[in-house]
Amino acid sequence: MLSRRRGRRTSGRVELRPHERKDYGLYAQWYADWEIWNLSSWRPGPMNREETVRLFEEREASESDRSFAIHVAQEPEPVGVIGLMNINGAKLSADLSIIIGSPEHRRNGYGSEAIAQVLDFGFDELGLERISLSAFDFNEGAIHAYEKLGFRYDGRISNAIQREDGPHDAVLMRITPSEWRALRR
């Protein structure tokens, strides 16, 4: 499994590649971005460079995470990151995490293509039986995209985070291999 982790995965317009240390500075810019933090982070605030570098070093060393750089095919610089986190071999489950860091690459379908590749990887290669994710209730675009990919509502955490305009819920979603395969037919 470890050797598969280091390989590239290409499908359509998107290529998933192993992280390269030279890209950590770019990742640090994304993880320090207030808009990205607001839409996707459970942390109390954006991350600084040292925290971002540590996060990706830990992901690369972790046996319970599989994380990739998202590239538009043939392009040298990544446009986002995606991964399966908290992979649980006993429960055959994992949590999906994704950001498209470059604003000009958002809303172009790259995230959906990357998620499709990671779902194939998680179900077909890792043998997972459930992949879950969470999105904040105000991130309606992401929730809609996840629904189009076959994710189903799995619950809600009330008042999960505090933002400037008040508390917000986290919408919990999940997909199983049979749901994913039925959608792919």
N, C-alpha and C. Protein backbone atom coordinates (compact mmCIF):
# COMPACT_ATOMS: atom_id res chain seq x y z
N MET A 1 0.83 -1.19 0.00
CA MET A 1 0.00 0.00 0.00
C MET A 1 0.88 1.26 0.00
N LEU A 2 1.99 1.23 0.68
CA LEU A 2 2.83 2.42 0.77
C LEU A 2 3.35 2.84 -0.60
N SER A 3 3.72 1.88 -1.43
CA SER A 3 4.23 2.24 -2.75
C SER A 3 3.14 2.90 -3.61
N ARG A 4 1.89 2.45 -3.48
CA ARG A 4 0.79 3.06 -4.21
C ARG A 4 0.59 4.50 -3.74
N ARG A 5 0.87 4.73 -2.48
CA ARG A 5 0.69 6.05 -1.89
C ARG A 5 1.57 7.09 -2.59
N ARG A 6 2.72 6.67 -3.04
CA ARG A 6 3.68 7.61 -3.60
C ARG A 6 3.46 7.86 -5.09
N GLY A 7 2.59 7.10 -5.73
CA GLY A 7 2.40 7.23 -7.17
C GLY A 7 1.46 8.36 -7.55
N ARG A 8 1.46 8.65 -8.83
CA ARG A 8 0.54 9.65 -9.39
C ARG A 8 -0.74 8.94 -9.81
N ARG A 9 -1.83 9.69 -9.78
CA ARG A 9 -3.12 9.20 -10.24
C ARG A 9 -3.68 10.25 -11.19
N THR A 10 -4.02 9.84 -12.40
CA THR A 10 -4.53 10.78 -13.38
C THR A 10 -5.87 10.31 -13.90
N SER A 11 -6.79 11.25 -14.02
CA SER A 11 -8.11 10.96 -14.57
C SER A 11 -8.68 12.27 -15.08
N GLY A 12 -9.01 12.30 -16.34
CA GLY A 12 -9.57 13.53 -16.89
C GLY A 12 -8.56 14.67 -16.84
N ARG A 13 -9.00 15.78 -16.31
CA ARG A 13 -8.17 16.99 -16.28
C ARG A 13 -7.29 17.08 -15.05
N VAL A 14 -7.48 16.18 -14.10
CA VAL A 14 -6.83 16.31 -12.80
C VAL A 14 -5.86 15.17 -12.55
N GLU A 15 -4.72 15.53 -11.97
CA GLU A 15 -3.72 14.55 -11.59
C GLU A 15 -3.43 14.72 -10.10
N LEU A 16 -3.46 13.61 -9.37
CA LEU A 16 -3.08 13.63 -7.96
C LEU A 16 -1.65 13.14 -7.87
N ARG A 17 -0.83 13.90 -7.16
CA ARG A 17 0.59 13.57 -7.04
C ARG A 17 0.99 13.58 -5.58
N PRO A 18 2.09 12.90 -5.28
CA PRO A 18 2.63 12.99 -3.92
C PRO A 18 3.01 14.45 -3.63
N HIS A 19 2.93 14.82 -2.37
CA HIS A 19 3.35 16.17 -1.98
C HIS A 19 4.86 16.30 -2.16
N GLU A 20 5.27 17.49 -2.54
CA GLU A 20 6.69 17.81 -2.62
C GLU A 20 6.98 18.94 -1.65
N ARG A 21 8.07 18.80 -0.93
CA ARG A 21 8.42 19.80 0.08
C ARG A 21 8.48 21.22 -0.50
N LYS A 22 8.87 21.35 -1.75
CA LYS A 22 8.96 22.68 -2.38
C LYS A 22 7.59 23.37 -2.46
N ASP A 23 6.50 22.59 -2.34
CA ASP A 23 5.16 23.17 -2.41
C ASP A 23 4.61 23.59 -1.05
N TYR A 24 5.31 23.27 0.02
CA TYR A 24 4.80 23.60 1.36
C TYR A 24 4.60 25.10 1.54
N GLY A 25 5.44 25.91 0.92
CA GLY A 25 5.27 27.37 1.01
C GLY A 25 3.95 27.81 0.38
N LEU A 26 3.61 27.22 -0.76
CA LEU A 26 2.34 27.51 -1.40
C LEU A 26 1.19 27.05 -0.51
N TYR A 27 1.31 25.85 0.05
CA TYR A 27 0.27 25.36 0.96
C TYR A 27 0.10 26.32 2.14
N ALA A 28 1.23 26.83 2.64
CA ALA A 28 1.16 27.75 3.78
C ALA A 28 0.37 29.01 3.42
N GLN A 29 0.51 29.49 2.19
CA GLN A 29 -0.30 30.64 1.76
C GLN A 29 -1.78 30.29 1.79
N TRP A 30 -2.12 29.09 1.31
CA TRP A 30 -3.53 28.69 1.29
C TRP A 30 -4.08 28.54 2.71
N TYR A 31 -3.33 27.88 3.56
CA TYR A 31 -3.82 27.61 4.92
C TYR A 31 -3.82 28.86 5.79
N ALA A 32 -3.16 29.93 5.33
CA ALA A 32 -3.21 31.21 6.03
C ALA A 32 -4.33 32.11 5.49
N ASP A 33 -4.96 31.70 4.41
CA ASP A 33 -6.00 32.48 3.74
C ASP A 33 -7.28 32.46 4.57
N TRP A 34 -7.81 33.63 4.87
CA TRP A 34 -9.02 33.73 5.71
C TRP A 34 -10.24 33.10 5.05
N GLU A 35 -10.36 33.23 3.74
CA GLU A 35 -11.52 32.64 3.06
C GLU A 35 -11.50 31.12 3.16
N ILE A 36 -10.34 30.52 2.90
CA ILE A 36 -10.23 29.06 3.02
C ILE A 36 -10.49 28.63 4.45
N TRP A 37 -9.90 29.35 5.40
CA TRP A 37 -10.13 29.02 6.81
C TRP A 37 -11.61 29.10 7.14
N ASN A 38 -12.26 30.17 6.73
CA ASN A 38 -13.67 30.36 7.06
C ASN A 38 -14.54 29.23 6.52
N LEU A 39 -14.27 28.78 5.31
CA LEU A 39 -15.10 27.76 4.68
C LEU A 39 -14.81 26.35 5.16
N SER A 40 -13.59 26.09 5.62
CA SER A 40 -13.24 24.69 5.80
C SER A 40 -12.56 24.30 7.10
N SER A 41 -12.18 25.22 7.92
CA SER A 41 -11.34 24.84 9.05
C SER A 41 -12.07 24.79 10.39
N TRP A 42 -11.74 23.74 11.14
CA TRP A 42 -12.24 23.61 12.51
C TRP A 42 -11.33 24.36 13.48
N ARG A 43 -10.18 24.79 13.02
CA ARG A 43 -9.21 25.48 13.89
C ARG A 43 -9.74 26.86 14.28
N PRO A 44 -9.21 27.43 15.36
CA PRO A 44 -9.68 28.76 15.78
C PRO A 44 -9.24 29.89 14.86
N GLY A 45 -8.29 29.65 13.97
CA GLY A 45 -7.83 30.67 13.05
C GLY A 45 -6.94 30.06 11.99
N PRO A 46 -6.57 30.84 10.97
CA PRO A 46 -5.69 30.33 9.92
C PRO A 46 -4.36 29.85 10.49
N MET A 47 -3.68 29.00 9.74
CA MET A 47 -2.40 28.43 10.18
C MET A 47 -1.24 29.28 9.68
N ASN A 48 -0.16 29.30 10.46
CA ASN A 48 1.05 29.96 9.99
C ASN A 48 1.91 28.95 9.22
N ARG A 49 3.01 29.42 8.67
CA ARG A 49 3.86 28.56 7.84
C ARG A 49 4.38 27.34 8.60
N GLU A 50 4.86 27.55 9.81
CA GLU A 50 5.41 26.44 10.58
C GLU A 50 4.36 25.37 10.86
N GLU A 51 3.15 25.81 11.19
CA GLU A 51 2.06 24.85 11.45
C GLU A 51 1.71 24.07 10.19
N THR A 52 1.71 24.75 9.06
CA THR A 52 1.38 24.09 7.79
C THR A 52 2.44 23.07 7.42
N VAL A 53 3.70 23.44 7.53
CA VAL A 53 4.79 22.51 7.22
C VAL A 53 4.69 21.29 8.14
N ARG A 54 4.47 21.51 9.42
CA ARG A 54 4.34 20.41 10.37
C ARG A 54 3.16 19.50 10.01
N LEU A 55 2.03 20.11 9.63
CA LEU A 55 0.85 19.33 9.24
C LEU A 55 1.18 18.39 8.09
N PHE A 56 1.84 18.89 7.05
CA PHE A 56 2.12 18.04 5.90
C PHE A 56 3.24 17.04 6.17
N GLU A 57 4.19 17.38 7.01
CA GLU A 57 5.20 16.40 7.41
C GLU A 57 4.53 15.26 8.18
N GLU A 58 3.59 15.60 9.06
CA GLU A 58 2.87 14.57 9.81
C GLU A 58 2.00 13.72 8.90
N ARG A 59 1.34 14.34 7.94
CA ARG A 59 0.51 13.58 7.00
C ARG A 59 1.35 12.59 6.20
N GLU A 60 2.51 13.04 5.76
CA GLU A 60 3.38 12.16 4.97
C GLU A 60 3.90 10.99 5.80
N ALA A 61 4.11 11.20 7.09
CA ALA A 61 4.63 10.14 7.95
C ALA A 61 3.53 9.22 8.50
N SER A 62 2.31 9.67 8.45
CA SER A 62 1.19 8.96 9.07
C SER A 62 0.77 7.72 8.29
N GLU A 63 0.48 6.66 9.00
CA GLU A 63 -0.08 5.46 8.39
C GLU A 63 -1.59 5.56 8.27
N SER A 64 -2.20 6.55 8.92
CA SER A 64 -3.66 6.67 8.88
C SER A 64 -4.13 7.81 7.97
N ASP A 65 -3.22 8.42 7.23
CA ASP A 65 -3.57 9.48 6.28
C ASP A 65 -2.99 9.15 4.91
N ARG A 66 -3.73 9.48 3.87
CA ARG A 66 -3.25 9.41 2.49
C ARG A 66 -3.59 10.74 1.86
N SER A 67 -2.58 11.53 1.60
CA SER A 67 -2.79 12.90 1.15
C SER A 67 -2.06 13.14 -0.17
N PHE A 68 -2.67 13.95 -1.03
CA PHE A 68 -2.14 14.20 -2.37
C PHE A 68 -2.22 15.68 -2.72
N ALA A 69 -1.32 16.10 -3.59
CA ALA A 69 -1.41 17.42 -4.22
C ALA A 69 -2.31 17.29 -5.44
N ILE A 70 -3.21 18.25 -5.62
CA ILE A 70 -4.09 18.27 -6.79
C ILE A 70 -3.45 19.16 -7.85
N HIS A 71 -3.23 18.60 -9.03
CA HIS A 71 -2.67 19.35 -10.15
C HIS A 71 -3.63 19.29 -11.32
N VAL A 72 -3.75 20.40 -12.04
CA VAL A 72 -4.36 20.33 -13.36
C VAL A 72 -3.35 19.55 -14.19
N ALA A 73 -3.80 18.54 -14.92
CA ALA A 73 -2.90 17.63 -15.63
C ALA A 73 -1.81 18.39 -16.38
N GLN A 74 -0.59 17.91 -16.21
CA GLN A 74 0.60 18.43 -16.88
C GLN A 74 1.10 19.77 -16.32
N GLU A 75 0.42 20.33 -15.34
CA GLU A 75 0.87 21.60 -14.77
C GLU A 75 1.82 21.33 -13.60
N PRO A 76 2.88 22.13 -13.46
CA PRO A 76 3.85 21.86 -12.40
C PRO A 76 3.40 22.26 -11.00
N GLU A 77 2.57 23.28 -10.90
CA GLU A 77 2.19 23.80 -9.58
C GLU A 77 0.82 23.25 -9.16
N PRO A 78 0.71 22.79 -7.90
CA PRO A 78 -0.59 22.29 -7.45
C PRO A 78 -1.62 23.40 -7.32
N VAL A 79 -2.89 23.01 -7.43
CA VAL A 79 -3.99 23.95 -7.25
C VAL A 79 -4.77 23.66 -5.97
N GLY A 80 -4.44 22.57 -5.29
CA GLY A 80 -5.13 22.21 -4.06
C GLY A 80 -4.52 20.97 -3.43
N VAL A 81 -5.13 20.55 -2.34
CA VAL A 81 -4.72 19.33 -1.65
C VAL A 81 -5.97 18.53 -1.29
N ILE A 82 -5.81 17.22 -1.26
CA ILE A 82 -6.92 16.32 -0.92
C ILE A 82 -6.36 15.13 -0.17
N GLY A 83 -7.15 14.58 0.72
CA GLY A 83 -6.68 13.41 1.42
C GLY A 83 -7.77 12.65 2.12
N LEU A 84 -7.43 11.41 2.44
CA LEU A 84 -8.24 10.60 3.33
C LEU A 84 -7.51 10.61 4.66
N MET A 85 -8.20 11.05 5.70
CA MET A 85 -7.60 11.19 7.02
C MET A 85 -8.28 10.21 7.97
N ASN A 86 -7.59 9.93 9.05
CA ASN A 86 -8.15 9.06 10.10
C ASN A 86 -8.61 7.73 9.52
N ILE A 87 -7.81 7.16 8.64
CA ILE A 87 -8.17 5.87 8.06
C ILE A 87 -8.18 4.84 9.18
N ASN A 88 -9.31 4.17 9.32
CA ASN A 88 -9.50 3.22 10.40
C ASN A 88 -9.67 1.83 9.79
N GLY A 89 -8.66 0.99 9.95
CA GLY A 89 -8.70 -0.35 9.38
C GLY A 89 -9.73 -1.24 10.02
N ALA A 90 -10.03 -1.03 11.29
CA ALA A 90 -11.03 -1.85 11.97
C ALA A 90 -12.44 -1.51 11.50
N LYS A 91 -12.71 -0.23 11.33
CA LYS A 91 -14.04 0.21 10.89
C LYS A 91 -14.12 0.38 9.38
N LEU A 92 -12.97 0.25 8.69
CA LEU A 92 -12.89 0.43 7.24
C LEU A 92 -13.50 1.77 6.81
N SER A 93 -13.08 2.83 7.51
CA SER A 93 -13.62 4.15 7.25
C SER A 93 -12.50 5.19 7.20
N ALA A 94 -12.84 6.35 6.65
CA ALA A 94 -11.90 7.47 6.60
C ALA A 94 -12.69 8.76 6.44
N ASP A 95 -12.03 9.88 6.72
CA ASP A 95 -12.60 11.20 6.55
C ASP A 95 -11.92 11.87 5.36
N LEU A 96 -12.71 12.49 4.50
CA LEU A 96 -12.17 13.17 3.33
C LEU A 96 -11.96 14.65 3.65
N SER A 97 -10.84 15.17 3.17
CA SER A 97 -10.51 16.59 3.35
C SER A 97 -10.02 17.12 2.00
N ILE A 98 -10.49 18.30 1.62
CA ILE A 98 -10.06 18.89 0.35
C ILE A 98 -10.09 20.41 0.45
N ILE A 99 -9.10 21.04 -0.18
CA ILE A 99 -9.18 22.48 -0.44
C ILE A 99 -8.64 22.72 -1.85
N ILE A 100 -9.27 23.63 -2.54
CA ILE A 100 -8.72 24.16 -3.79
C ILE A 100 -8.19 25.53 -3.39
N GLY A 101 -6.88 25.64 -3.33
CA GLY A 101 -6.25 26.83 -2.77
C GLY A 101 -6.21 28.02 -3.70
N SER A 102 -6.07 27.77 -4.96
CA SER A 102 -5.96 28.86 -5.93
C SER A 102 -7.34 29.35 -6.33
N PRO A 103 -7.70 30.60 -6.03
CA PRO A 103 -9.04 31.10 -6.34
C PRO A 103 -9.43 30.93 -7.81
N GLU A 104 -8.48 31.10 -8.72
CA GLU A 104 -8.82 30.99 -10.15
C GLU A 104 -9.13 29.55 -10.57
N HIS A 105 -8.83 28.59 -9.71
CA HIS A 105 -9.11 27.20 -10.04
C HIS A 105 -10.36 26.67 -9.33
N ARG A 106 -11.00 27.50 -8.53
CA ARG A 106 -12.24 27.08 -7.87
C ARG A 106 -13.40 27.15 -8.85
N ARG A 107 -14.40 26.35 -8.58
CA ARG A 107 -15.64 26.31 -9.38
C ARG A 107 -15.39 25.91 -10.84
N ASN A 108 -14.36 25.11 -11.05
CA ASN A 108 -14.06 24.58 -12.39
C ASN A 108 -14.22 23.07 -12.46
N GLY A 109 -14.66 22.45 -11.36
CA GLY A 109 -14.83 21.00 -11.34
C GLY A 109 -13.60 20.22 -10.95
N TYR A 110 -12.48 20.90 -10.70
CA TYR A 110 -11.26 20.18 -10.34
C TYR A 110 -11.41 19.45 -9.00
N GLY A 111 -12.09 20.08 -8.06
CA GLY A 111 -12.31 19.44 -6.77
C GLY A 111 -13.14 18.18 -6.90
N SER A 112 -14.20 18.24 -7.70
CA SER A 112 -15.05 17.06 -7.92
C SER A 112 -14.27 15.94 -8.58
N GLU A 113 -13.44 16.28 -9.57
CA GLU A 113 -12.63 15.25 -10.22
C GLU A 113 -11.63 14.63 -9.25
N ALA A 114 -11.03 15.46 -8.40
CA ALA A 114 -10.09 14.94 -7.41
C ALA A 114 -10.80 14.03 -6.41
N ILE A 115 -11.98 14.44 -5.96
CA ILE A 115 -12.74 13.62 -5.02
C ILE A 115 -13.07 12.27 -5.66
N ALA A 116 -13.48 12.27 -6.92
CA ALA A 116 -13.80 11.01 -7.60
C ALA A 116 -12.59 10.08 -7.60
N GLN A 117 -11.41 10.61 -7.85
CA GLN A 117 -10.20 9.78 -7.83
C GLN A 117 -9.93 9.23 -6.44
N VAL A 118 -10.13 10.06 -5.42
CA VAL A 118 -9.86 9.62 -4.05
C VAL A 118 -10.90 8.60 -3.61
N LEU A 119 -12.15 8.75 -4.05
CA LEU A 119 -13.16 7.74 -3.72
C LEU A 119 -12.81 6.41 -4.37
N ASP A 120 -12.39 6.42 -5.62
CA ASP A 120 -11.94 5.18 -6.27
C ASP A 120 -10.78 4.56 -5.49
N PHE A 121 -9.82 5.37 -5.12
CA PHE A 121 -8.66 4.90 -4.36
C PHE A 121 -9.10 4.31 -3.02
N GLY A 122 -9.94 5.04 -2.29
CA GLY A 122 -10.36 4.58 -0.97
C GLY A 122 -11.16 3.30 -1.01
N PHE A 123 -12.09 3.20 -1.94
CA PHE A 123 -12.94 2.02 -2.01
C PHE A 123 -12.25 0.84 -2.71
N ASP A 124 -11.58 1.10 -3.83
CA ASP A 124 -11.01 0.01 -4.62
C ASP A 124 -9.65 -0.46 -4.12
N GLU A 125 -8.81 0.45 -3.66
CA GLU A 125 -7.47 0.07 -3.26
C GLU A 125 -7.31 -0.12 -1.76
N LEU A 126 -7.97 0.73 -0.98
CA LEU A 126 -7.85 0.60 0.48
C LEU A 126 -8.93 -0.29 1.07
N GLY A 127 -9.98 -0.58 0.31
CA GLY A 127 -11.05 -1.45 0.79
C GLY A 127 -11.95 -0.81 1.83
N LEU A 128 -12.07 0.51 1.80
CA LEU A 128 -12.91 1.20 2.78
C LEU A 128 -14.39 0.91 2.51
N GLU A 129 -15.18 0.97 3.56
CA GLU A 129 -16.62 0.75 3.46
C GLU A 129 -17.42 2.03 3.69
N ARG A 130 -16.73 3.10 4.09
CA ARG A 130 -17.41 4.38 4.29
C ARG A 130 -16.37 5.50 4.25
N ILE A 131 -16.69 6.55 3.52
CA ILE A 131 -15.88 7.76 3.52
C ILE A 131 -16.80 8.90 3.93
N SER A 132 -16.38 9.64 4.93
CA SER A 132 -17.20 10.71 5.50
C SER A 132 -16.51 12.06 5.29
N LEU A 133 -17.30 13.11 5.42
CA LEU A 133 -16.75 14.46 5.40
C LEU A 133 -17.70 15.37 6.17
N SER A 134 -17.25 16.57 6.42
CA SER A 134 -18.11 17.58 7.05
C SER A 134 -17.95 18.88 6.28
N ALA A 135 -19.03 19.66 6.27
CA ALA A 135 -19.02 20.99 5.65
C ALA A 135 -19.85 21.90 6.53
N PHE A 136 -19.45 23.13 6.67
CA PHE A 136 -20.23 24.06 7.47
C PHE A 136 -21.49 24.45 6.72
N ASP A 137 -22.57 24.68 7.46
CA ASP A 137 -23.89 24.88 6.86
C ASP A 137 -23.94 26.03 5.86
N PHE A 138 -23.09 27.02 6.00
CA PHE A 138 -23.10 28.16 5.08
C PHE A 138 -22.31 27.89 3.79
N ASN A 139 -21.61 26.75 3.71
CA ASN A 139 -20.83 26.42 2.53
C ASN A 139 -21.70 25.59 1.57
N GLU A 140 -22.75 26.24 1.09
CA GLU A 140 -23.76 25.55 0.28
C GLU A 140 -23.21 25.01 -1.03
N GLY A 141 -22.25 25.71 -1.62
CA GLY A 141 -21.65 25.23 -2.87
C GLY A 141 -20.96 23.90 -2.68
N ALA A 142 -20.21 23.77 -1.59
CA ALA A 142 -19.53 22.50 -1.31
C ALA A 142 -20.54 21.40 -1.04
N ILE A 143 -21.55 21.69 -0.23
CA ILE A 143 -22.56 20.68 0.09
C ILE A 143 -23.24 20.18 -1.19
N HIS A 144 -23.58 21.10 -2.07
CA HIS A 144 -24.21 20.72 -3.34
C HIS A 144 -23.26 19.84 -4.18
N ALA A 145 -21.99 20.22 -4.25
CA ALA A 145 -21.02 19.42 -5.01
C ALA A 145 -20.89 18.02 -4.42
N TYR A 146 -20.86 17.92 -3.09
CA TYR A 146 -20.75 16.61 -2.44
C TYR A 146 -21.99 15.76 -2.74
N GLU A 147 -23.16 16.38 -2.72
CA GLU A 147 -24.39 15.65 -3.05
C GLU A 147 -24.35 15.13 -4.48
N LYS A 148 -23.85 15.93 -5.42
CA LYS A 148 -23.75 15.50 -6.81
C LYS A 148 -22.80 14.32 -6.96
N LEU A 149 -21.83 14.22 -6.06
CA LEU A 149 -20.89 13.10 -6.08
C LEU A 149 -21.44 11.87 -5.35
N GLY A 150 -22.65 11.96 -4.80
CA GLY A 150 -23.27 10.81 -4.16
C GLY A 150 -23.21 10.79 -2.65
N PHE A 151 -22.61 11.81 -2.04
CA PHE A 151 -22.58 11.85 -0.58
C PHE A 151 -23.99 12.08 -0.05
N ARG A 152 -24.30 11.41 1.05
CA ARG A 152 -25.61 11.50 1.68
C ARG A 152 -25.48 12.17 3.04
N TYR A 153 -26.55 12.86 3.41
CA TYR A 153 -26.63 13.50 4.73
C TYR A 153 -26.53 12.42 5.80
N ASP A 154 -25.68 12.64 6.78
CA ASP A 154 -25.47 11.65 7.83
C ASP A 154 -25.69 12.22 9.22
N GLY A 155 -25.95 13.51 9.32
CA GLY A 155 -26.17 14.12 10.62
C GLY A 155 -25.71 15.56 10.63
N ARG A 156 -25.79 16.13 11.81
CA ARG A 156 -25.48 17.55 11.96
C ARG A 156 -24.93 17.76 13.37
N ILE A 157 -23.92 18.59 13.47
CA ILE A 157 -23.42 19.01 14.78
C ILE A 157 -23.85 20.46 14.95
N SER A 158 -24.76 20.68 15.87
CA SER A 158 -25.28 22.04 16.10
C SER A 158 -24.22 22.92 16.72
N ASN A 159 -24.18 24.17 16.29
CA ASN A 159 -23.25 25.16 16.84
C ASN A 159 -21.82 24.63 16.90
N ALA A 160 -21.38 24.01 15.82
CA ALA A 160 -20.07 23.36 15.79
C ALA A 160 -18.92 24.36 15.79
N ILE A 161 -19.12 25.50 15.14
CA ILE A 161 -18.07 26.51 15.06
C ILE A 161 -18.65 27.89 15.27
N GLN A 162 -17.78 28.79 15.63
CA GLN A 162 -18.16 30.20 15.80
C GLN A 162 -17.45 31.00 14.72
N ARG A 163 -18.21 31.80 13.99
CA ARG A 163 -17.65 32.73 13.03
C ARG A 163 -18.14 34.12 13.40
N GLU A 164 -17.69 35.14 12.68
CA GLU A 164 -18.05 36.52 13.02
C GLU A 164 -19.55 36.74 13.08
N ASP A 165 -20.30 36.04 12.24
CA ASP A 165 -21.75 36.24 12.21
C ASP A 165 -22.51 35.31 13.16
N GLY A 166 -21.77 34.57 13.98
CA GLY A 166 -22.42 33.71 14.97
C GLY A 166 -22.06 32.25 14.82
N PRO A 167 -22.76 31.40 15.57
CA PRO A 167 -22.47 29.96 15.52
C PRO A 167 -23.05 29.32 14.25
N HIS A 168 -22.38 28.26 13.82
CA HIS A 168 -22.83 27.53 12.63
C HIS A 168 -22.74 26.03 12.88
N ASP A 169 -23.62 25.30 12.19
CA ASP A 169 -23.64 23.85 12.28
C ASP A 169 -22.65 23.24 11.29
N ALA A 170 -22.21 22.04 11.60
CA ALA A 170 -21.45 21.23 10.66
C ALA A 170 -22.39 20.17 10.10
N VAL A 171 -22.44 20.08 8.79
CA VAL A 171 -23.25 19.07 8.12
C VAL A 171 -22.34 17.87 7.86
N LEU A 172 -22.74 16.71 8.36
CA LEU A 172 -21.97 15.48 8.21
C LEU A 172 -22.53 14.69 7.04
N MET A 173 -21.63 14.21 6.18
CA MET A 173 -22.05 13.47 4.99
C MET A 173 -21.17 12.23 4.86
N ARG A 174 -21.68 11.23 4.14
CA ARG A 174 -20.92 10.01 3.93
C ARG A 174 -21.34 9.35 2.63
N ILE A 175 -20.47 8.46 2.17
CA ILE A 175 -20.76 7.66 0.98
C ILE A 175 -20.17 6.27 1.18
N THR A 176 -20.85 5.27 0.64
CA THR A 176 -20.38 3.88 0.72
C THR A 176 -19.95 3.42 -0.67
N PRO A 177 -19.23 2.31 -0.76
CA PRO A 177 -18.82 1.83 -2.08
C PRO A 177 -20.00 1.54 -3.00
N SER A 178 -21.07 0.95 -2.47
CA SER A 178 -22.21 0.62 -3.33
C SER A 178 -22.89 1.89 -3.85
N GLU A 179 -22.98 2.92 -3.01
CA GLU A 179 -23.56 4.19 -3.47
C GLU A 179 -22.69 4.82 -4.55
N TRP A 180 -21.37 4.77 -4.36
CA TRP A 180 -20.45 5.34 -5.33
C TRP A 180 -20.51 4.59 -6.66
N ARG A 181 -20.49 3.27 -6.59
CA ARG A 181 -20.52 2.47 -7.82
C ARG A 181 -21.83 2.65 -8.57
N ALA A 182 -22.94 2.75 -7.85
CA ALA A 182 -24.24 2.97 -8.50
C ALA A 182 -24.26 4.30 -9.25
N LEU A 183 -23.64 5.31 -8.68
CA LEU A 183 -23.58 6.62 -9.31
C LEU A 183 -22.69 6.60 -10.55
N ARG A 184 -21.64 5.80 -10.52
CA ARG A 184 -20.66 5.76 -11.61
C ARG A 184 -21.16 5.00 -12.83
N ARG A 185 -22.23 4.23 -12.69
CA ARG A 185 -22.75 3.44 -13.82
C ARG A 185 -23.34 4.31 -14.88
